[in-house]
Amino acid sequence: MIETILFWVLALAAVASALCVVALRNPVNSVMALLAAMLATAGLYALMGATVVALFQVIVYIGAVLVLFLFVVMLLNLKGPASEIPRNPAAVATSAAAVGLTAGMAWLGWRAVNLSIPAVPGGGLRPEPGLASIALELFSRHLLVFELTSVLLLAAAVGAALITRKEKDPS
């Protein structure tokens, strides 16, 4: 029951934030909506039991790619429509509801993780793969993909630096 509720909450959060990525006019707000979409996706991975994929989602996509996007947006100094923080009661109520919803999702996630520990047929707990086995798998079978990702991130950083470079005046 809790897993179903958590799935629907995470799925709705992922779809709503993905729509906000496209709909928002301010580029920084779009990047923050992309952050919410990636966090919801990581939550869905964790709910499916793919904790390693969820951790890679957070470390690689949020920790590297999203930060790179944010740096590019900030370096380009794109001006979105200036918005003032609303101080009316509806905005305060919406903010309070968002904080409450986040706390409720965290509590549901904690309950779902604690209640749904997978067991092997013999009755014991299924062992999680250790860090050494994950590193061995990553740096042996998936080494090419790992290196290509680093080259892609380097190319994106060089491209961002070239885009923001100022042209010298020939006169």
N, C-alpha and C. Protein backbone atom coordinates (compact mmCIF):
# COMPACT_ATOMS: atom_id res chain seq x y z
N MET A 1 0.81 -1.19 0.00
CA MET A 1 0.00 0.00 0.00
C MET A 1 0.86 1.26 0.00
N ILE A 2 1.86 1.31 0.91
CA ILE A 2 2.73 2.48 0.98
C ILE A 2 3.55 2.60 -0.30
N GLU A 3 4.00 1.45 -0.84
CA GLU A 3 4.79 1.49 -2.07
C GLU A 3 3.97 2.06 -3.23
N THR A 4 2.70 1.72 -3.28
CA THR A 4 1.84 2.23 -4.35
C THR A 4 1.65 3.74 -4.23
N ILE A 5 1.41 4.21 -3.02
CA ILE A 5 1.24 5.64 -2.80
C ILE A 5 2.53 6.38 -3.14
N LEU A 6 3.65 5.83 -2.69
CA LEU A 6 4.94 6.47 -2.97
C LEU A 6 5.23 6.48 -4.47
N PHE A 7 4.89 5.39 -5.16
CA PHE A 7 5.10 5.35 -6.61
C PHE A 7 4.31 6.46 -7.30
N TRP A 8 3.03 6.59 -6.96
CA TRP A 8 2.20 7.60 -7.63
C TRP A 8 2.65 9.02 -7.29
N VAL A 9 3.07 9.24 -6.07
CA VAL A 9 3.56 10.57 -5.70
C VAL A 9 4.83 10.89 -6.48
N LEU A 10 5.77 9.94 -6.54
CA LEU A 10 7.01 10.17 -7.28
C LEU A 10 6.76 10.31 -8.78
N ALA A 11 5.84 9.51 -9.31
CA ALA A 11 5.53 9.59 -10.74
C ALA A 11 4.91 10.94 -11.09
N LEU A 12 3.96 11.39 -10.27
CA LEU A 12 3.35 12.70 -10.51
C LEU A 12 4.38 13.83 -10.36
N ALA A 13 5.26 13.70 -9.39
CA ALA A 13 6.30 14.72 -9.21
C ALA A 13 7.23 14.74 -10.41
N ALA A 14 7.59 13.57 -10.94
CA ALA A 14 8.48 13.52 -12.10
C ALA A 14 7.82 14.12 -13.33
N VAL A 15 6.56 13.80 -13.56
CA VAL A 15 5.87 14.34 -14.74
C VAL A 15 5.64 15.84 -14.60
N ALA A 16 5.22 16.28 -13.42
CA ALA A 16 4.95 17.71 -13.23
C ALA A 16 6.23 18.53 -13.35
N SER A 17 7.32 18.04 -12.77
CA SER A 17 8.56 18.80 -12.87
C SER A 17 9.14 18.75 -14.27
N ALA A 18 8.93 17.66 -14.99
CA ALA A 18 9.39 17.60 -16.38
C ALA A 18 8.62 18.59 -17.25
N LEU A 19 7.33 18.75 -16.98
CA LEU A 19 6.55 19.75 -17.70
C LEU A 19 7.01 21.17 -17.33
N CYS A 20 7.39 21.37 -16.08
CA CYS A 20 7.89 22.68 -15.67
C CYS A 20 9.22 23.02 -16.33
N VAL A 21 10.04 22.01 -16.61
CA VAL A 21 11.31 22.26 -17.30
C VAL A 21 11.05 22.95 -18.63
N VAL A 22 10.03 22.51 -19.33
CA VAL A 22 9.72 23.06 -20.64
C VAL A 22 8.92 24.35 -20.52
N ALA A 23 8.05 24.45 -19.54
CA ALA A 23 7.11 25.57 -19.47
C ALA A 23 7.69 26.83 -18.82
N LEU A 24 8.63 26.69 -17.91
CA LEU A 24 9.13 27.86 -17.19
C LEU A 24 9.99 28.73 -18.10
N ARG A 25 9.88 30.04 -17.91
CA ARG A 25 10.62 30.98 -18.76
C ARG A 25 12.01 31.28 -18.22
N ASN A 26 12.17 31.27 -16.93
CA ASN A 26 13.46 31.55 -16.32
C ASN A 26 14.35 30.31 -16.42
N PRO A 27 15.54 30.40 -17.02
CA PRO A 27 16.39 29.22 -17.20
C PRO A 27 16.83 28.59 -15.89
N VAL A 28 17.08 29.39 -14.87
CA VAL A 28 17.49 28.83 -13.59
C VAL A 28 16.35 28.02 -12.97
N ASN A 29 15.12 28.53 -13.10
CA ASN A 29 13.97 27.78 -12.60
C ASN A 29 13.79 26.48 -13.37
N SER A 30 14.08 26.50 -14.66
CA SER A 30 13.99 25.26 -15.45
C SER A 30 15.01 24.23 -14.99
N VAL A 31 16.22 24.69 -14.67
CA VAL A 31 17.25 23.77 -14.17
C VAL A 31 16.83 23.20 -12.81
N MET A 32 16.21 24.03 -11.97
CA MET A 32 15.75 23.53 -10.68
C MET A 32 14.60 22.52 -10.84
N ALA A 33 13.74 22.75 -11.83
CA ALA A 33 12.68 21.78 -12.11
C ALA A 33 13.29 20.48 -12.64
N LEU A 34 14.37 20.59 -13.42
CA LEU A 34 15.07 19.39 -13.88
C LEU A 34 15.67 18.63 -12.71
N LEU A 35 16.16 19.37 -11.72
CA LEU A 35 16.66 18.73 -10.49
C LEU A 35 15.55 17.93 -9.81
N ALA A 36 14.37 18.51 -9.71
CA ALA A 36 13.24 17.79 -9.09
C ALA A 36 12.87 16.56 -9.90
N ALA A 37 12.89 16.67 -11.23
CA ALA A 37 12.57 15.51 -12.07
C ALA A 37 13.59 14.39 -11.88
N MET A 38 14.87 14.77 -11.80
CA MET A 38 15.91 13.75 -11.61
C MET A 38 15.85 13.12 -10.23
N LEU A 39 15.52 13.91 -9.21
CA LEU A 39 15.36 13.34 -7.87
C LEU A 39 14.17 12.38 -7.81
N ALA A 40 13.08 12.75 -8.47
CA ALA A 40 11.92 11.86 -8.50
C ALA A 40 12.25 10.57 -9.24
N THR A 41 13.02 10.69 -10.32
CA THR A 41 13.43 9.49 -11.05
C THR A 41 14.33 8.61 -10.19
N ALA A 42 15.24 9.22 -9.46
CA ALA A 42 16.08 8.45 -8.54
C ALA A 42 15.24 7.76 -7.47
N GLY A 43 14.21 8.44 -6.99
CA GLY A 43 13.30 7.82 -6.02
C GLY A 43 12.56 6.63 -6.61
N LEU A 44 12.17 6.74 -7.89
CA LEU A 44 11.51 5.61 -8.55
C LEU A 44 12.47 4.44 -8.70
N TYR A 45 13.73 4.73 -9.03
CA TYR A 45 14.72 3.65 -9.12
C TYR A 45 14.89 2.97 -7.76
N ALA A 46 14.99 3.76 -6.70
CA ALA A 46 15.15 3.19 -5.37
C ALA A 46 13.92 2.38 -4.97
N LEU A 47 12.75 2.83 -5.38
CA LEU A 47 11.52 2.10 -5.07
C LEU A 47 11.47 0.76 -5.77
N MET A 48 12.09 0.69 -6.96
CA MET A 48 12.13 -0.59 -7.70
C MET A 48 13.18 -1.54 -7.14
N GLY A 49 14.01 -1.04 -6.23
CA GLY A 49 15.04 -1.90 -5.66
C GLY A 49 16.39 -1.75 -6.35
N ALA A 50 16.49 -0.84 -7.30
CA ALA A 50 17.75 -0.61 -8.00
C ALA A 50 18.50 0.52 -7.31
N THR A 51 19.03 0.23 -6.13
CA THR A 51 19.67 1.28 -5.35
C THR A 51 20.95 1.80 -6.00
N VAL A 52 21.68 0.93 -6.68
CA VAL A 52 22.91 1.36 -7.34
C VAL A 52 22.58 2.33 -8.47
N VAL A 53 21.55 2.03 -9.24
CA VAL A 53 21.15 2.93 -10.32
C VAL A 53 20.66 4.26 -9.74
N ALA A 54 19.94 4.21 -8.64
CA ALA A 54 19.49 5.45 -7.99
C ALA A 54 20.67 6.28 -7.50
N LEU A 55 21.67 5.62 -6.94
CA LEU A 55 22.85 6.35 -6.49
C LEU A 55 23.62 6.94 -7.67
N PHE A 56 23.75 6.20 -8.76
CA PHE A 56 24.41 6.75 -9.95
C PHE A 56 23.60 7.90 -10.53
N GLN A 57 22.28 7.81 -10.46
CA GLN A 57 21.43 8.91 -10.93
C GLN A 57 21.75 10.18 -10.14
N VAL A 58 21.85 10.04 -8.84
CA VAL A 58 22.13 11.20 -8.00
C VAL A 58 23.56 11.70 -8.20
N ILE A 59 24.53 10.79 -8.22
CA ILE A 59 25.93 11.20 -8.30
C ILE A 59 26.28 11.74 -9.68
N VAL A 60 25.94 11.00 -10.73
CA VAL A 60 26.37 11.40 -12.07
C VAL A 60 25.48 12.50 -12.64
N TYR A 61 24.17 12.26 -12.67
CA TYR A 61 23.30 13.21 -13.35
C TYR A 61 23.06 14.47 -12.53
N ILE A 62 22.81 14.32 -11.25
CA ILE A 62 22.55 15.50 -10.44
C ILE A 62 23.87 16.15 -10.01
N GLY A 63 24.82 15.32 -9.59
CA GLY A 63 26.07 15.87 -9.10
C GLY A 63 26.97 16.42 -10.17
N ALA A 64 26.88 15.96 -11.39
CA ALA A 64 27.79 16.42 -12.43
C ALA A 64 27.07 17.15 -13.55
N VAL A 65 26.16 16.48 -14.20
CA VAL A 65 25.52 17.06 -15.39
C VAL A 65 24.65 18.25 -15.03
N LEU A 66 23.85 18.13 -14.00
CA LEU A 66 22.96 19.23 -13.63
C LEU A 66 23.74 20.44 -13.13
N VAL A 67 24.81 20.21 -12.39
CA VAL A 67 25.65 21.31 -11.95
C VAL A 67 26.30 21.98 -13.16
N LEU A 68 26.70 21.20 -14.15
CA LEU A 68 27.24 21.77 -15.38
C LEU A 68 26.20 22.63 -16.09
N PHE A 69 24.96 22.15 -16.17
CA PHE A 69 23.89 22.94 -16.77
C PHE A 69 23.72 24.27 -16.02
N LEU A 70 23.73 24.19 -14.71
CA LEU A 70 23.56 25.40 -13.91
C LEU A 70 24.70 26.38 -14.12
N PHE A 71 25.93 25.86 -14.21
CA PHE A 71 27.07 26.74 -14.49
C PHE A 71 26.96 27.38 -15.86
N VAL A 72 26.52 26.63 -16.85
CA VAL A 72 26.37 27.20 -18.19
C VAL A 72 25.31 28.29 -18.18
N VAL A 73 24.20 28.05 -17.53
CA VAL A 73 23.14 29.06 -17.46
C VAL A 73 23.65 30.30 -16.74
N MET A 74 24.40 30.11 -15.68
CA MET A 74 24.90 31.26 -14.94
C MET A 74 26.01 31.98 -15.71
N LEU A 75 26.84 31.25 -16.44
CA LEU A 75 27.89 31.89 -17.24
C LEU A 75 27.31 32.69 -18.40
N LEU A 76 26.26 32.16 -19.00
CA LEU A 76 25.65 32.87 -20.12
C LEU A 76 24.88 34.09 -19.66
N ASN A 77 24.59 34.17 -18.37
CA ASN A 77 23.90 35.30 -17.78
C ASN A 77 22.58 35.58 -18.51
N LEU A 78 21.81 34.53 -18.70
CA LEU A 78 20.52 34.68 -19.36
C LEU A 78 19.56 35.38 -18.42
N LYS A 79 18.94 36.40 -18.93
CA LYS A 79 17.99 37.15 -18.12
C LYS A 79 16.59 36.65 -18.39
N GLY A 80 15.98 36.11 -17.36
CA GLY A 80 14.58 35.71 -17.46
C GLY A 80 13.71 36.84 -16.94
N PRO A 81 12.42 36.67 -16.99
CA PRO A 81 11.56 37.71 -16.45
C PRO A 81 11.78 37.86 -14.95
N ALA A 82 11.99 39.07 -14.52
CA ALA A 82 12.21 39.32 -13.10
C ALA A 82 10.93 39.05 -12.34
N SER A 83 11.05 38.28 -11.31
CA SER A 83 9.86 37.97 -10.52
C SER A 83 10.13 38.31 -9.07
N GLU A 84 9.16 38.91 -8.46
CA GLU A 84 9.27 39.28 -7.06
C GLU A 84 8.65 38.15 -6.24
N ILE A 85 9.19 37.91 -5.08
CA ILE A 85 8.66 36.86 -4.22
C ILE A 85 7.29 37.29 -3.71
N PRO A 86 6.25 36.51 -4.03
CA PRO A 86 4.92 36.91 -3.56
C PRO A 86 4.79 36.71 -2.06
N ARG A 87 4.14 37.63 -1.43
CA ARG A 87 3.97 37.59 0.03
C ARG A 87 2.51 37.50 0.43
N ASN A 88 1.64 37.13 -0.49
CA ASN A 88 0.23 37.03 -0.15
C ASN A 88 -0.04 35.72 0.59
N PRO A 89 -1.18 35.60 1.26
CA PRO A 89 -1.47 34.40 2.04
C PRO A 89 -1.53 33.12 1.20
N ALA A 90 -1.96 33.22 -0.05
CA ALA A 90 -2.02 32.02 -0.90
C ALA A 90 -0.62 31.47 -1.17
N ALA A 91 0.35 32.36 -1.39
CA ALA A 91 1.72 31.91 -1.63
C ALA A 91 2.33 31.27 -0.39
N VAL A 92 2.05 31.84 0.76
CA VAL A 92 2.55 31.28 2.02
C VAL A 92 1.91 29.91 2.26
N ALA A 93 0.62 29.77 2.00
CA ALA A 93 -0.06 28.49 2.18
C ALA A 93 0.48 27.45 1.21
N THR A 94 0.75 27.86 -0.03
CA THR A 94 1.30 26.94 -1.01
C THR A 94 2.69 26.48 -0.59
N SER A 95 3.51 27.39 -0.09
CA SER A 95 4.85 27.03 0.38
C SER A 95 4.77 26.07 1.56
N ALA A 96 3.87 26.33 2.48
CA ALA A 96 3.70 25.44 3.63
C ALA A 96 3.22 24.06 3.19
N ALA A 97 2.33 24.03 2.21
CA ALA A 97 1.86 22.75 1.69
C ALA A 97 2.99 21.99 1.01
N ALA A 98 3.86 22.71 0.29
CA ALA A 98 4.99 22.06 -0.37
C ALA A 98 5.96 21.47 0.65
N VAL A 99 6.22 22.21 1.73
CA VAL A 99 7.09 21.69 2.78
C VAL A 99 6.46 20.48 3.45
N GLY A 100 5.16 20.54 3.72
CA GLY A 100 4.47 19.40 4.32
C GLY A 100 4.45 18.18 3.41
N LEU A 101 4.24 18.42 2.11
CA LEU A 101 4.24 17.31 1.15
C LEU A 101 5.62 16.67 1.06
N THR A 102 6.67 17.49 1.09
CA THR A 102 8.02 16.95 1.05
C THR A 102 8.31 16.12 2.30
N ALA A 103 7.90 16.61 3.45
CA ALA A 103 8.11 15.86 4.69
C ALA A 103 7.30 14.56 4.67
N GLY A 104 6.08 14.62 4.15
CA GLY A 104 5.28 13.40 4.04
C GLY A 104 5.87 12.39 3.08
N MET A 105 6.41 12.85 1.96
CA MET A 105 7.06 11.94 1.02
C MET A 105 8.30 11.30 1.64
N ALA A 106 9.06 12.10 2.40
CA ALA A 106 10.25 11.55 3.06
C ALA A 106 9.84 10.49 4.08
N TRP A 107 8.78 10.74 4.82
CA TRP A 107 8.32 9.78 5.82
C TRP A 107 7.82 8.50 5.13
N LEU A 108 7.03 8.65 4.05
CA LEU A 108 6.55 7.48 3.31
C LEU A 108 7.71 6.68 2.72
N GLY A 109 8.70 7.39 2.21
CA GLY A 109 9.86 6.69 1.66
C GLY A 109 10.61 5.93 2.73
N TRP A 110 10.77 6.54 3.89
CA TRP A 110 11.45 5.86 5.00
C TRP A 110 10.67 4.62 5.43
N ARG A 111 9.35 4.74 5.50
CA ARG A 111 8.52 3.59 5.88
C ARG A 111 8.60 2.49 4.82
N ALA A 112 8.56 2.87 3.55
CA ALA A 112 8.59 1.88 2.48
C ALA A 112 9.92 1.13 2.46
N VAL A 113 11.02 1.83 2.71
CA VAL A 113 12.32 1.17 2.72
C VAL A 113 12.42 0.24 3.91
N ASN A 114 11.92 0.65 5.06
CA ASN A 114 12.02 -0.18 6.25
C ASN A 114 11.07 -1.37 6.21
N LEU A 115 9.94 -1.26 5.51
CA LEU A 115 8.97 -2.35 5.49
C LEU A 115 9.22 -3.36 4.38
N SER A 116 9.90 -2.95 3.32
CA SER A 116 10.04 -3.85 2.17
C SER A 116 11.48 -4.27 1.97
N ILE A 117 12.02 -4.98 2.94
CA ILE A 117 13.37 -5.51 2.79
C ILE A 117 13.26 -6.85 2.05
N PRO A 118 13.92 -6.98 0.89
CA PRO A 118 13.79 -8.22 0.11
C PRO A 118 14.47 -9.38 0.82
N ALA A 119 13.82 -10.52 0.75
CA ALA A 119 14.36 -11.72 1.39
C ALA A 119 14.57 -12.80 0.34
N VAL A 120 15.59 -13.61 0.55
CA VAL A 120 15.84 -14.74 -0.34
C VAL A 120 14.97 -15.90 0.12
N PRO A 121 14.71 -16.89 -0.76
CA PRO A 121 13.82 -17.98 -0.37
C PRO A 121 14.27 -18.76 0.86
N GLY A 122 15.57 -18.78 1.17
CA GLY A 122 16.05 -19.52 2.33
C GLY A 122 15.71 -18.85 3.64
N GLY A 123 15.23 -17.63 3.61
CA GLY A 123 14.85 -16.94 4.83
C GLY A 123 15.81 -15.85 5.22
N GLY A 124 17.02 -15.86 4.68
CA GLY A 124 17.99 -14.82 5.02
C GLY A 124 17.82 -13.60 4.13
N LEU A 125 18.48 -12.56 4.47
CA LEU A 125 18.43 -11.35 3.67
C LEU A 125 19.35 -11.48 2.46
N ARG A 126 18.94 -10.90 1.35
CA ARG A 126 19.76 -10.90 0.15
C ARG A 126 20.90 -9.90 0.35
N PRO A 127 22.15 -10.31 0.16
CA PRO A 127 23.25 -9.37 0.39
C PRO A 127 23.31 -8.31 -0.71
N GLU A 128 23.57 -7.10 -0.30
CA GLU A 128 23.77 -6.00 -1.25
C GLU A 128 25.16 -6.14 -1.85
N PRO A 129 25.30 -5.77 -3.11
CA PRO A 129 26.65 -5.82 -3.68
C PRO A 129 27.54 -4.79 -2.99
N GLY A 130 28.74 -5.18 -2.69
CA GLY A 130 29.66 -4.28 -2.01
C GLY A 130 30.27 -3.26 -2.96
N LEU A 131 30.92 -2.29 -2.39
CA LEU A 131 31.53 -1.24 -3.18
C LEU A 131 32.64 -1.80 -4.07
N ALA A 132 33.36 -2.79 -3.57
CA ALA A 132 34.44 -3.38 -4.37
C ALA A 132 33.90 -4.08 -5.61
N SER A 133 32.78 -4.80 -5.47
CA SER A 133 32.22 -5.49 -6.64
C SER A 133 31.62 -4.50 -7.64
N ILE A 134 31.04 -3.40 -7.14
CA ILE A 134 30.51 -2.37 -8.05
C ILE A 134 31.66 -1.70 -8.79
N ALA A 135 32.74 -1.37 -8.08
CA ALA A 135 33.90 -0.73 -8.71
C ALA A 135 34.55 -1.66 -9.73
N LEU A 136 34.66 -2.94 -9.40
CA LEU A 136 35.23 -3.91 -10.33
C LEU A 136 34.38 -4.02 -11.59
N GLU A 137 33.07 -4.04 -11.43
CA GLU A 137 32.16 -4.10 -12.58
C GLU A 137 32.25 -2.82 -13.42
N LEU A 138 32.30 -1.67 -12.75
CA LEU A 138 32.34 -0.39 -13.46
C LEU A 138 33.64 -0.22 -14.22
N PHE A 139 34.75 -0.57 -13.61
CA PHE A 139 36.05 -0.33 -14.24
C PHE A 139 36.56 -1.51 -15.06
N SER A 140 35.77 -2.56 -15.21
CA SER A 140 36.18 -3.65 -16.09
C SER A 140 35.23 -3.74 -17.29
N ARG A 141 33.99 -4.12 -17.05
CA ARG A 141 33.06 -4.29 -18.18
C ARG A 141 32.57 -2.97 -18.75
N HIS A 142 32.44 -1.94 -17.92
CA HIS A 142 31.85 -0.67 -18.36
C HIS A 142 32.88 0.45 -18.42
N LEU A 143 34.14 0.12 -18.62
CA LEU A 143 35.18 1.14 -18.62
C LEU A 143 35.02 2.11 -19.78
N LEU A 144 34.69 1.61 -20.96
CA LEU A 144 34.55 2.48 -22.12
C LEU A 144 33.44 3.50 -21.91
N VAL A 145 32.30 3.07 -21.39
CA VAL A 145 31.20 3.99 -21.13
C VAL A 145 31.60 5.03 -20.08
N PHE A 146 32.31 4.60 -19.07
CA PHE A 146 32.78 5.50 -18.01
C PHE A 146 33.70 6.57 -18.59
N GLU A 147 34.64 6.17 -19.44
CA GLU A 147 35.58 7.12 -20.04
C GLU A 147 34.88 8.03 -21.04
N LEU A 148 33.95 7.49 -21.82
CA LEU A 148 33.22 8.33 -22.77
C LEU A 148 32.38 9.39 -22.05
N THR A 149 31.85 9.05 -20.89
CA THR A 149 31.10 10.03 -20.11
C THR A 149 32.01 11.16 -19.65
N SER A 150 33.22 10.83 -19.24
CA SER A 150 34.14 11.88 -18.81
C SER A 150 34.55 12.76 -19.99
N VAL A 151 34.73 12.18 -21.17
CA VAL A 151 35.06 12.97 -22.36
C VAL A 151 33.88 13.88 -22.73
N LEU A 152 32.66 13.37 -22.61
CA LEU A 152 31.48 14.17 -22.90
C LEU A 152 31.36 15.36 -21.95
N LEU A 153 31.61 15.13 -20.67
CA LEU A 153 31.57 16.23 -19.70
C LEU A 153 32.67 17.25 -19.96
N LEU A 154 33.86 16.78 -20.36
CA LEU A 154 34.94 17.71 -20.69
C LEU A 154 34.58 18.55 -21.92
N ALA A 155 34.00 17.91 -22.93
CA ALA A 155 33.59 18.64 -24.13
C ALA A 155 32.52 19.67 -23.81
N ALA A 156 31.60 19.33 -22.92
CA ALA A 156 30.56 20.29 -22.53
C ALA A 156 31.17 21.47 -21.78
N ALA A 157 32.14 21.23 -20.91
CA ALA A 157 32.78 22.32 -20.18
C ALA A 157 33.56 23.23 -21.12
N VAL A 158 34.29 22.64 -22.08
CA VAL A 158 35.04 23.44 -23.06
C VAL A 158 34.07 24.24 -23.93
N GLY A 159 32.97 23.62 -24.34
CA GLY A 159 31.97 24.32 -25.13
C GLY A 159 31.36 25.48 -24.37
N ALA A 160 31.08 25.29 -23.09
CA ALA A 160 30.53 26.38 -22.29
C ALA A 160 31.53 27.52 -22.16
N ALA A 161 32.81 27.19 -22.01
CA ALA A 161 33.83 28.24 -21.92
C ALA A 161 33.96 28.99 -23.24
N LEU A 162 33.88 28.27 -24.36
CA LEU A 162 33.99 28.92 -25.67
C LEU A 162 32.78 29.79 -25.97
N ILE A 163 31.61 29.38 -25.56
CA ILE A 163 30.40 30.17 -25.80
C ILE A 163 30.46 31.48 -25.03
N THR A 164 30.96 31.43 -23.81
CA THR A 164 30.96 32.63 -22.97
C THR A 164 32.18 33.52 -23.20
N ARG A 165 33.10 33.11 -24.03
CA ARG A 165 34.31 33.89 -24.29
C ARG A 165 33.95 35.17 -25.02
N LYS A 166 34.56 36.24 -24.62
CA LYS A 166 34.30 37.53 -25.27
C LYS A 166 35.23 37.67 -26.48
N GLU A 167 34.67 38.18 -27.57
CA GLU A 167 35.46 38.42 -28.78
C GLU A 167 36.23 39.73 -28.61
N LYS A 168 37.49 39.73 -29.07
CA LYS A 168 38.29 40.94 -29.01
C LYS A 168 37.89 41.88 -30.14
N ASP A 169 37.88 43.16 -29.84
CA ASP A 169 37.54 44.18 -30.84
C ASP A 169 38.75 44.34 -31.77
N PRO A 170 38.58 44.17 -33.11
CA PRO A 170 39.71 44.22 -34.03
C PRO A 170 40.31 45.62 -34.16
N SER A 171 39.66 46.67 -33.79
CA SER A 171 40.19 48.03 -33.98
C SER A 171 41.04 48.51 -32.84
